[in-house]
C-alpha atoms as a PDB file:
ATOM      1  CA  MET A   1      51.966  71.252 -55.073  1.00  0.00           C
ATOM      2  CA  THR A   2      53.685  72.269 -58.302  1.00  0.00           C
ATOM      3  CA  THR A   3      53.169  70.352 -61.529  1.00  0.00           C
ATOM      4  CA  ALA A   4      56.817  69.249 -61.531  1.00  0.00           C
ATOM      5  CA  ARG A   5      56.482  67.828 -57.998  1.00  0.00           C
ATOM      6  CA  LYS A   6      53.220  66.081 -58.915  1.00  0.00           C
ATOM      7  CA  SER A   7      54.884  64.586 -61.974  1.00  0.00           C
ATOM      8  CA  ALA A   8      57.876  63.447 -59.935  1.00  0.00           C
ATOM      9  CA  ALA A   9      55.618  61.939 -57.284  1.00  0.00           C
ATOM     10  CA  PHE A  10      53.514  60.216 -59.950  1.00  0.00           C
ATOM     11  CA  PHE A  11      56.666  58.873 -61.600  1.00  0.00           C
ATOM     12  CA  ALA A  12      57.896  57.527 -58.263  1.00  0.00           C
ATOM     13  CA  THR A  13      54.550  55.909 -57.560  1.00  0.00           C
ATOM     14  CA  SER A  14      54.529  54.468 -61.067  1.00  0.00           C
ATOM     15  CA  VAL A  15      57.976  52.955 -60.628  1.00  0.00           C
ATOM     16  CA  LEU A  16      56.869  51.638 -57.254  1.00  0.00           C
ATOM     17  CA  GLY A  17      53.789  50.098 -58.849  1.00  0.00           C
ATOM     18  CA  PHE A  18      55.945  48.415 -61.455  1.00  0.00           C
ATOM     19  CA  ALA A  19      58.275  47.035 -58.801  1.00  0.00           C
ATOM     20  CA  LEU A  20      55.393  45.730 -56.721  1.00  0.00           C
ATOM     21  CA  SER A  21      53.233  44.330 -59.488  1.00  0.00           C
ATOM     22  CA  GLY A  22      55.753  41.900 -60.933  1.00  0.00           C
ATOM     23  CA  CYS A  23      56.106  41.509 -64.644  1.00  0.00           C
ATOM     24  CA  GLY A  24      52.658  40.038 -65.408  1.00  0.00           C
ATOM     25  CA  GLY A  25      51.623  41.567 -68.850  1.00  0.00           C
ATOM     26  CA  LEU A  26      52.467  45.036 -69.924  1.00  0.00           C
ATOM     27  CA  GLY A  27      48.864  45.847 -70.888  1.00  0.00           C
ATOM     28  CA  GLY A  28      47.611  45.316 -67.335  1.00  0.00           C
ATOM     29  CA  LEU A  29      50.645  47.084 -65.934  1.00  0.00           C
ATOM     30  CA  THR A  30      50.110  50.149 -68.101  1.00  0.00           C
ATOM     31  CA  GLN A  31      46.482  50.348 -66.979  1.00  0.00           C
ATOM     32  CA  GLN A  32      47.553  50.006 -63.328  1.00  0.00           C
ATOM     33  CA  LEU A  33      50.200  52.727 -63.660  1.00  0.00           C
ATOM     34  CA  ASN A  34      47.728  55.160 -65.229  1.00  0.00           C
ATOM     35  CA  THR A  35      45.417  54.928 -62.212  1.00  0.00           C
ATOM     36  CA  LEU A  36      47.997  55.225 -59.394  1.00  0.00           C
ATOM     37  CA  LYS A  37      47.461  57.994 -56.852  1.00  0.00           C
ATOM     38  CA  GLU A  38      49.750  59.512 -54.221  1.00  0.00           C
ATOM     39  CA  PRO A  39      49.324  58.360 -50.619  1.00  0.00           C
ATOM     40  CA  LYS A  40      47.387  60.911 -48.525  1.00  0.00           C
ATOM     41  CA  VAL A  41      48.953  62.190 -45.318  1.00  0.00           C
ATOM     42  CA  SER A  42      47.216  63.826 -42.360  1.00  0.00           C
ATOM     43  CA  LEU A  43      48.057  64.533 -38.741  1.00  0.00           C
ATOM     44  CA  ALA A  44      46.844  61.851 -36.316  1.00  0.00           C
ATOM     45  CA  GLY A  45      48.507  63.298 -33.214  1.00  0.00           C
ATOM     46  CA  LEU A  46      50.974  65.829 -31.841  1.00  0.00           C
ATOM     47  CA  ALA A  47      52.336  65.725 -28.287  1.00  0.00           C
ATOM     48  CA  LEU A  48      55.313  66.838 -26.253  1.00  0.00           C
ATOM     49  CA  LYS A  49      57.433  63.741 -25.670  1.00  0.00           C
ATOM     50  CA  ASP A  50      60.401  64.996 -23.655  1.00  0.00           C
ATOM     51  CA  ILE A  51      61.223  68.428 -22.251  1.00  0.00           C
ATOM     52  CA  SER A  52      64.874  67.812 -21.368  1.00  0.00           C
ATOM     53  CA  LEU A  53      67.109  70.865 -21.339  1.00  0.00           C
ATOM     54  CA  THR A  54      69.508  69.347 -23.847  1.00  0.00           C
ATOM     55  CA  GLU A  55      67.147  67.973 -26.491  1.00  0.00           C
ATOM     56  CA  PRO A  56      63.391  68.376 -26.063  1.00  0.00           C
ATOM     57  CA  SER A  57      61.253  66.383 -28.483  1.00  0.00           C
ATOM     58  CA  PHE A  58      57.729  66.041 -29.826  1.00  0.00           C
ATOM     59  CA  LEU A  59      55.959  62.991 -31.176  1.00  0.00           C
ATOM     60  CA  VAL A  60      54.292  63.631 -34.540  1.00  0.00           C
ATOM     61  CA  LYS A  61      51.875  60.856 -35.509  1.00  0.00           C
ATOM     62  CA  LEU A  62      51.068  60.780 -39.231  1.00  0.00           C
ATOM     63  CA  LYS A  63      48.098  58.964 -40.737  1.00  0.00           C
ATOM     64  CA  VAL A  64      48.992  57.677 -44.204  1.00  0.00           C
ATOM     65  CA  GLU A  65      46.245  56.445 -46.534  1.00  0.00           C
ATOM     66  CA  ASN A  66      46.819  54.376 -49.658  1.00  0.00           C
ATOM     67  CA  PRO A  67      44.094  55.022 -52.285  1.00  0.00           C
ATOM     68  CA  ASN A  68      45.559  52.423 -54.678  1.00  0.00           C
ATOM     69  CA  ASP A  69      44.683  48.817 -55.458  1.00  0.00           C
ATOM     70  CA  LEU A  70      48.209  47.663 -54.619  1.00  0.00           C
ATOM     71  CA  SER A  71      50.349  47.804 -51.483  1.00  0.00           C
ATOM     72  CA  VAL A  72      52.907  50.588 -51.111  1.00  0.00           C
ATOM     73  CA  ASN A  73      56.150  50.266 -49.150  1.00  0.00           C
ATOM     74  CA  LEU A  74      57.497  53.374 -47.419  1.00  0.00           C
ATOM     75  CA  ASP A  75      61.044  53.833 -46.177  1.00  0.00           C
ATOM     76  CA  GLY A  76      60.078  56.495 -43.613  1.00  0.00           C
ATOM     77  CA  ALA A  77      59.398  60.212 -43.492  1.00  0.00           C
ATOM     78  CA  ASP A  78      61.148  63.517 -42.898  1.00  0.00           C
ATOM     79  CA  VAL A  79      59.170  65.976 -40.753  1.00  0.00           C
ATOM     80  CA  ASN A  80      59.475  69.662 -39.834  1.00  0.00           C
ATOM     81  CA  LEU A  81      57.394  71.180 -37.033  1.00  0.00           C
ATOM     82  CA  ALA A  82      56.642  74.875 -36.555  1.00  0.00           C
ATOM     83  CA  LEU A  83      54.666  76.241 -33.605  1.00  0.00           C
ATOM     84  CA  ASN A  84      52.991  79.633 -33.850  1.00  0.00           C
ATOM     85  CA  GLY A  85      54.874  80.261 -37.093  1.00  0.00           C
ATOM     86  CA  GLN A  86      58.310  79.540 -35.597  1.00  0.00           C
ATOM     87  CA  PRO A  87      60.290  76.459 -36.759  1.00  0.00           C
ATOM     88  CA  VAL A  88      61.088  74.455 -33.618  1.00  0.00           C
ATOM     89  CA  ALA A  89      61.811  70.822 -34.505  1.00  0.00           C
ATOM     90  CA  THR A  90      62.862  68.387 -37.228  1.00  0.00           C
ATOM     91  CA  GLY A  91      62.998  64.629 -37.369  1.00  0.00           C
ATOM     92  CA  ILE A  92      63.480  61.635 -39.601  1.00  0.00           C
ATOM     93  CA  SER A  93      61.822  58.251 -39.364  1.00  0.00           C
ATOM     94  CA  ARG A  94      63.548  55.481 -41.232  1.00  0.00           C
ATOM     95  CA  GLY A  95      61.191  52.757 -40.078  1.00  0.00           C
ATOM     96  CA  PRO A  96      59.659  50.830 -42.955  1.00  0.00           C
ATOM     97  CA  LEU A  97      55.886  50.873 -43.292  1.00  0.00           C
ATOM     98  CA  THR A  98      53.757  48.854 -45.703  1.00  0.00           C
ATOM     99  CA  LEU A  99      50.460  50.435 -46.655  1.00  0.00           C
ATOM    100  CA  ALA A 100      47.912  47.778 -47.532  1.00  0.00           C
ATOM    101  CA  LYS A 101      45.945  48.385 -50.717  1.00  0.00           C
ATOM    102  CA  ARG A 102      43.145  50.854 -50.012  1.00  0.00           C
ATOM    103  CA  GLY A 103      44.265  50.888 -46.366  1.00  0.00           C
ATOM    104  CA  ALA A 104      45.618  53.315 -43.809  1.00  0.00           C
ATOM    105  CA  SER A 105      48.388  53.141 -41.211  1.00  0.00           C
ATOM    106  CA  THR A 106      50.006  55.489 -38.739  1.00  0.00           C
ATOM    107  CA  MET A 107      53.656  56.405 -38.540  1.00  0.00           C
ATOM    108  CA  ASP A 108      55.301  57.916 -35.460  1.00  0.00           C
ATOM    109  CA  VAL A 109      58.098  60.418 -36.046  1.00  0.00           C
ATOM    110  CA  GLU A 110      60.044  61.845 -33.129  1.00  0.00           C
ATOM    111  CA  VAL A 111      61.186  65.380 -33.883  1.00  0.00           C
ATOM    112  CA  LYS A 112      64.043  66.932 -31.921  1.00  0.00           C
ATOM    113  CA  ALA A 113      63.656  70.548 -30.992  1.00  0.00           C
ATOM    114  CA  ASN A 114      65.626  73.689 -30.312  1.00  0.00           C
ATOM    115  CA  THR A 115      65.446  74.116 -26.506  1.00  0.00           C
ATOM    116  CA  LEU A 116      64.991  77.891 -26.531  1.00  0.00           C
ATOM    117  CA  GLY A 117      62.368  77.746 -29.286  1.00  0.00           C
ATOM    118  CA  VAL A 118      60.371  75.090 -27.427  1.00  0.00           C
ATOM    119  CA  LEU A 119      60.492  76.977 -24.128  1.00  0.00           C
ATOM    120  CA  GLN A 120      59.248  80.142 -25.857  1.00  0.00           C
ATOM    121  CA  GLN A 121      56.371  78.228 -27.435  1.00  0.00           C
ATOM    122  CA  ILE A 122      55.464  76.452 -24.190  1.00  0.00           C
ATOM    123  CA  MET A 123      55.222  79.839 -22.488  1.00  0.00           C
ATOM    124  CA  GLN A 124      52.804  80.924 -25.226  1.00  0.00           C
ATOM    125  CA  VAL A 125      50.804  77.708 -24.750  1.00  0.00           C
ATOM    126  CA  GLN A 126      50.562  78.539 -21.047  1.00  0.00           C
ATOM    127  CA  SER A 127      49.180  82.016 -21.749  1.00  0.00           C
ATOM    128  CA  LYS A 128      46.977  81.187 -24.756  1.00  0.00           C
ATOM    129  CA  GLY A 129      45.800  77.694 -23.859  1.00  0.00           C
ATOM    130  CA  GLY A 130      46.813  76.282 -27.252  1.00  0.00           C
ATOM    131  CA  VAL A 131      49.190  76.524 -30.162  1.00  0.00           C
ATOM    132  CA  GLN A 132      49.054  76.821 -33.955  1.00  0.00           C
ATOM    133  CA  TYR A 133      51.125  74.141 -35.698  1.00  0.00           C
ATOM    134  CA  ASP A 134      52.504  73.618 -39.172  1.00  0.00           C
ATOM    135  CA  VAL A 135      53.753  70.117 -40.026  1.00  0.00           C
ATOM    136  CA  SER A 136      55.582  69.655 -43.313  1.00  0.00           C
ATOM    137  CA  GLY A 137      57.920  67.151 -44.885  1.00  0.00           C
ATOM    138  CA  HIS A 138      57.757  64.177 -47.194  1.00  0.00           C
ATOM    139  CA  LEU A 139      57.221  60.430 -47.262  1.00  0.00           C
ATOM    140  CA  ASN A 140      60.065  58.370 -48.684  1.00  0.00           C
ATOM    141  CA  LEU A 141      58.769  55.785 -51.151  1.00  0.00           C
ATOM    142  CA  LEU A 142      62.075  54.201 -52.142  1.00  0.00           C
ATOM    143  CA  ASN A 143      65.498  55.487 -51.109  1.00  0.00           C
ATOM    144  CA  TRP A 144      67.088  54.587 -54.438  1.00  0.00           C
ATOM    145  CA  LEU A 145      64.701  56.915 -56.293  1.00  0.00           C
ATOM    146  CA  GLY A 146      66.148  59.950 -54.494  1.00  0.00           C
ATOM    147  CA  ALA A 147      64.029  63.098 -54.936  1.00  0.00           C
ATOM    148  CA  LEU A 148      61.643  61.256 -57.269  1.00  0.00           C
ATOM    149  CA  GLY A 149      60.642  58.915 -54.426  1.00  0.00           C
ATOM    150  CA  LYS A 150      59.403  61.670 -52.125  1.00  0.00           C
ATOM    151  CA  VAL A 151      55.749  62.565 -51.599  1.00  0.00           C
ATOM    152  CA  PRO A 152      55.486  66.031 -49.989  1.00  0.00           C
ATOM    153  CA  PHE A 153      52.910  66.964 -47.353  1.00  0.00           C
ATOM    154  CA  ASN A 154      52.032  70.090 -45.401  1.00  0.00           C
ATOM    155  CA  PHE A 155      49.161  70.793 -43.040  1.00  0.00           C
ATOM    156  CA  GLN A 156      48.295  73.359 -40.404  1.00  0.00           C
ATOM    157  CA  GLY A 157      45.944  73.494 -37.480  1.00  0.00           C
ATOM    158  CA  SER A 158      45.776  74.099 -33.774  1.00  0.00           C
ATOM    159  CA  VAL A 159      46.095  71.917 -30.726  1.00  0.00           C
ATOM    160  CA  ASP A 160      44.928  72.660 -27.186  1.00  0.00           C
ATOM    161  CA  LYS A 161      47.219  72.781 -24.171  1.00  0.00           C
ATOM    162  CA  ALA A 162      46.050  69.492 -22.612  1.00  0.00           C
ATOM    163  CA  THR A 163      46.577  67.512 -25.821  1.00  0.00           C
ATOM    164  CA  LEU A 164      49.992  68.996 -26.578  1.00  0.00           C
ATOM    165  CA  LEU A 165      51.317  68.588 -23.064  1.00  0.00           C
ATOM    166  CA  LYS A 166      49.850  65.159 -22.276  1.00  0.00           C
ATOM    167  CA  GLY A 167      53.327  63.656 -22.656  1.00  0.00           C
ATOM    168  CA  ALA A 168      54.578  66.012 -19.913  1.00  0.00           C
ATOM    169  CA  GLU A 169      52.691  64.077 -17.195  1.00  0.00           C
ATOM    170  CA  GLY A 170      55.704  61.854 -16.506  1.00  0.00           C
ATOM    171  CA  LEU A 171      58.141  64.755 -16.188  1.00  0.00           C
ATOM    172  CA  GLY A 172      57.693  65.212 -12.421  1.00  0.00           C
ATOM    173  CA  GLY A 173      57.473  68.766 -11.049  1.00  0.00           C
ATOM    174  CA  LEU A 174      58.130  70.326 -14.467  1.00  0.00           C
ATOM    175  CA  GLY A 175      55.232  68.372 -15.980  1.00  0.00           C
ATOM    176  CA  LYS A 176      52.910  69.507 -13.178  1.00  0.00           C
ATOM    177  CA  LEU A 177      53.991  73.107 -13.693  1.00  0.00           C
ATOM    178  CA  LEU A 178      53.317  72.922 -17.438  1.00  0.00           C
ATOM    179  CA  LEU A 179      49.916  71.287 -17.020  1.00  0.00           C
ATOM    180  CA  ARG A 180      48.601  73.965 -14.649  1.00  0.00           C
END
Protein backbone atom coordinates (compact mmCIF):
# COMPACT_ATOMS: atom_id res chain seq x y z
CA MET A 1 0.00 0.00 0.00
CA THR A 2 1.34 3.44 -0.87
CA THR A 3 2.24 5.97 1.80
CA ALA A 4 -0.57 8.28 0.65
CA ARG A 5 -3.14 5.46 0.99
CA LYS A 6 -1.77 4.52 4.42
CA SER A 7 -2.00 8.14 5.51
CA ALA A 8 -5.54 8.44 4.19
CA ALA A 9 -6.55 5.20 5.91
CA PHE A 10 -4.91 6.33 9.15
CA PHE A 11 -6.68 9.68 8.92
CA ALA A 12 -10.02 7.94 8.39
CA THR A 13 -9.40 5.63 11.32
CA SER A 14 -8.36 8.61 13.42
CA VAL A 15 -11.54 10.50 12.58
CA LEU A 16 -13.50 7.35 13.31
CA GLY A 17 -11.75 7.02 16.66
CA PHE A 18 -12.63 10.60 17.50
CA ALA A 19 -16.26 10.05 16.58
CA LEU A 20 -16.47 6.88 18.63
CA SER A 21 -14.55 8.00 21.68
CA GLY A 22 -16.71 10.97 22.59
CA CYS A 23 -15.15 14.19 23.72
CA GLY A 24 -13.59 12.97 26.99
CA GLY A 25 -10.20 14.89 27.30
CA LEU A 26 -8.03 15.76 24.40
CA GLY A 27 -4.91 14.29 26.02
CA GLY A 28 -6.41 10.80 26.16
CA LEU A 29 -7.89 11.22 22.71
CA THR A 30 -4.56 12.21 21.18
CA GLN A 31 -2.91 9.15 22.73
CA GLN A 32 -5.72 6.92 21.41
CA LEU A 33 -5.46 8.37 17.89
CA ASN A 34 -1.69 7.82 17.78
CA THR A 35 -2.10 4.09 18.42
CA LEU A 36 -4.97 3.33 15.99
CA LYS A 37 -4.36 0.60 13.41
CA GLU A 38 -6.22 -0.35 10.23
CA PRO A 39 -8.61 -3.31 10.39
CA LYS A 40 -7.06 -6.47 8.89
CA VAL A 41 -8.95 -8.28 6.14
CA SER A 42 -8.54 -11.89 5.01
CA LEU A 43 -10.57 -14.37 3.00
CA ALA A 44 -12.78 -16.64 5.12
CA GLY A 45 -14.56 -18.33 2.22
CA LEU A 46 -15.23 -18.32 -1.52
CA ALA A 47 -18.02 -20.34 -3.16
CA LEU A 48 -20.20 -20.36 -6.24
CA LYS A 49 -23.63 -19.14 -5.13
CA ASP A 50 -25.71 -19.17 -8.31
CA ILE A 51 -24.89 -20.28 -11.85
CA SER A 52 -27.88 -18.75 -13.63
CA LEU A 53 -27.38 -17.88 -17.28
CA THR A 54 -28.34 -14.26 -16.73
CA GLU A 55 -26.35 -13.35 -13.62
CA PRO A 56 -24.13 -15.96 -11.97
CA SER A 57 -22.76 -15.02 -8.56
CA PHE A 58 -20.17 -15.98 -5.97
CA LEU A 59 -20.23 -15.52 -2.23
CA VAL A 60 -17.05 -13.92 -0.89
CA LYS A 61 -16.77 -14.18 2.90
CA LEU A 62 -14.33 -11.69 4.42
CA LYS A 63 -12.86 -11.98 7.90
CA VAL A 64 -12.29 -8.52 9.36
CA GLU A 65 -10.15 -8.11 12.49
CA ASN A 66 -10.05 -5.00 14.65
CA PRO A 67 -6.64 -4.60 16.37
CA ASN A 68 -7.77 -1.47 18.26
CA ASP A 69 -9.00 -0.87 21.79
CA LEU A 70 -12.22 0.70 20.52
CA SER A 71 -15.09 -0.55 18.37
CA VAL A 72 -15.12 0.27 14.66
CA ASN A 73 -18.28 0.66 12.58
CA LEU A 74 -18.14 -0.35 8.92
CA ASP A 75 -20.63 0.69 6.25
CA GLY A 76 -19.84 -2.29 4.00
CA ALA A 77 -17.27 -3.31 1.41
CA ASP A 78 -16.64 -3.21 -2.32
CA VAL A 79 -15.15 -6.42 -3.74
CA ASN A 80 -13.61 -7.49 -7.06
CA LEU A 81 -12.99 -11.15 -7.87
CA ALA A 82 -10.58 -12.49 -10.49
CA LEU A 83 -10.19 -16.19 -11.27
CA ASN A 84 -7.03 -17.45 -12.95
CA GLY A 85 -6.01 -13.85 -13.60
CA GLN A 86 -9.28 -12.92 -15.34
CA PRO A 87 -11.67 -10.40 -13.70
CA VAL A 88 -15.04 -12.15 -13.42
CA ALA A 89 -17.17 -10.51 -10.72
CA THR A 90 -17.78 -7.39 -8.64
CA GLY A 91 -20.04 -6.67 -5.72
CA ILE A 92 -20.92 -4.20 -3.03
CA SER A 93 -22.11 -4.89 0.49
CA ARG A 94 -23.78 -2.00 2.22
CA GLY A 95 -24.66 -3.93 5.36
CA PRO A 96 -23.36 -2.28 8.51
CA LEU A 97 -20.93 -4.24 10.65
CA THR A 98 -19.59 -3.29 14.08
CA LEU A 99 -16.18 -4.70 14.92
CA ALA A 100 -15.81 -5.13 18.66
CA LYS A 101 -12.56 -3.84 20.14
CA ARG A 102 -9.81 -6.39 19.55
CA GLY A 103 -12.42 -8.64 17.91
CA ALA A 104 -13.14 -10.22 14.56
CA SER A 105 -16.28 -10.63 12.45
CA THR A 106 -17.15 -11.97 9.04
CA MET A 107 -18.86 -10.10 6.24
CA ASP A 108 -20.58 -11.80 3.30
CA VAL A 109 -20.41 -10.03 -0.06
CA GLU A 110 -22.27 -11.40 -3.05
CA VAL A 111 -20.41 -10.62 -6.26
CA LYS A 112 -22.22 -10.71 -9.60
CA ALA A 113 -20.32 -12.18 -12.48
CA ASN A 114 -19.95 -12.00 -16.23
CA THR A 115 -21.65 -15.20 -17.50
CA LEU A 116 -19.10 -15.97 -20.22
CA GLY A 117 -16.15 -15.30 -17.90
CA VAL A 118 -17.58 -17.59 -15.21
CA LEU A 119 -18.30 -20.40 -17.66
CA GLN A 120 -14.73 -20.20 -18.99
CA GLN A 121 -13.33 -20.37 -15.46
CA ILE A 122 -15.62 -23.24 -14.45
CA MET A 123 -14.36 -25.21 -17.44
CA GLN A 124 -10.81 -24.61 -16.21
CA VAL A 125 -11.82 -25.72 -12.70
CA GLN A 126 -13.18 -28.92 -14.23
CA SER A 127 -9.90 -29.66 -16.01
CA LYS A 128 -7.47 -28.45 -13.32
CA GLY A 129 -9.37 -29.37 -10.16
CA GLY A 130 -8.98 -25.88 -8.69
CA VAL A 131 -8.66 -22.20 -9.40
CA GLN A 132 -6.35 -19.30 -8.53
CA TYR A 133 -8.24 -16.32 -7.09
CA ASP A 134 -7.49 -12.67 -6.49
CA VAL A 135 -9.87 -10.77 -4.20
CA SER A 136 -9.44 -7.01 -3.95
CA GLY A 137 -11.48 -4.03 -2.85
CA HIS A 138 -11.92 -1.88 0.21
CA LEU A 139 -13.82 -1.62 3.48
CA ASN A 140 -15.97 1.48 3.91
CA LEU A 141 -15.42 3.03 7.33
CA LEU A 142 -17.79 5.99 7.02
CA ASN A 143 -19.59 7.01 3.83
CA TRP A 144 -19.26 10.72 4.57
CA LEU A 145 -15.46 10.47 4.56
CA GLY A 146 -15.46 9.46 0.88
CA ALA A 147 -12.08 8.13 -0.30
CA LEU A 148 -10.52 8.84 3.10
CA GLY A 149 -12.87 6.31 4.73
CA LYS A 150 -11.73 3.37 2.62
CA VAL A 151 -9.33 0.67 3.79
CA PRO A 152 -7.96 -1.25 0.77
CA PHE A 153 -7.31 -4.99 0.75
CA ASN A 154 -5.97 -7.50 -1.76
CA PHE A 155 -5.13 -11.17 -1.37
CA GLN A 156 -4.50 -14.13 -3.62
CA GLY A 157 -4.62 -17.86 -3.22
CA SER A 158 -6.16 -21.00 -4.62
CA VAL A 159 -9.30 -22.93 -3.91
CA ASP A 160 -10.08 -26.54 -4.81
CA LYS A 161 -12.99 -27.61 -7.00
CA ALA A 162 -15.12 -29.08 -4.19
CA THR A 163 -14.89 -25.94 -2.05
CA LEU A 164 -15.60 -23.53 -4.90
CA LEU A 165 -18.52 -25.49 -6.27
CA LYS A 166 -20.14 -26.51 -2.97
CA GLY A 167 -22.89 -23.95 -3.61
CA ALA A 168 -23.69 -25.72 -6.91
CA GLU A 169 -25.21 -28.73 -5.08
CA GLY A 170 -28.70 -27.19 -5.19
CA LEU A 171 -28.56 -26.41 -8.91
CA GLY A 172 -30.05 -29.74 -10.05
CA GLY A 173 -28.53 -31.45 -13.09
CA LEU A 174 -26.13 -28.56 -13.75
CA GLY A 175 -24.78 -28.79 -10.20
CA LYS A 176 -24.25 -32.55 -10.57
CA LEU A 177 -22.44 -32.00 -13.86
CA LEU A 178 -20.13 -29.39 -12.32
CA LEU A 179 -19.34 -31.50 -9.27
CA ARG A 180 -18.24 -34.54 -11.29
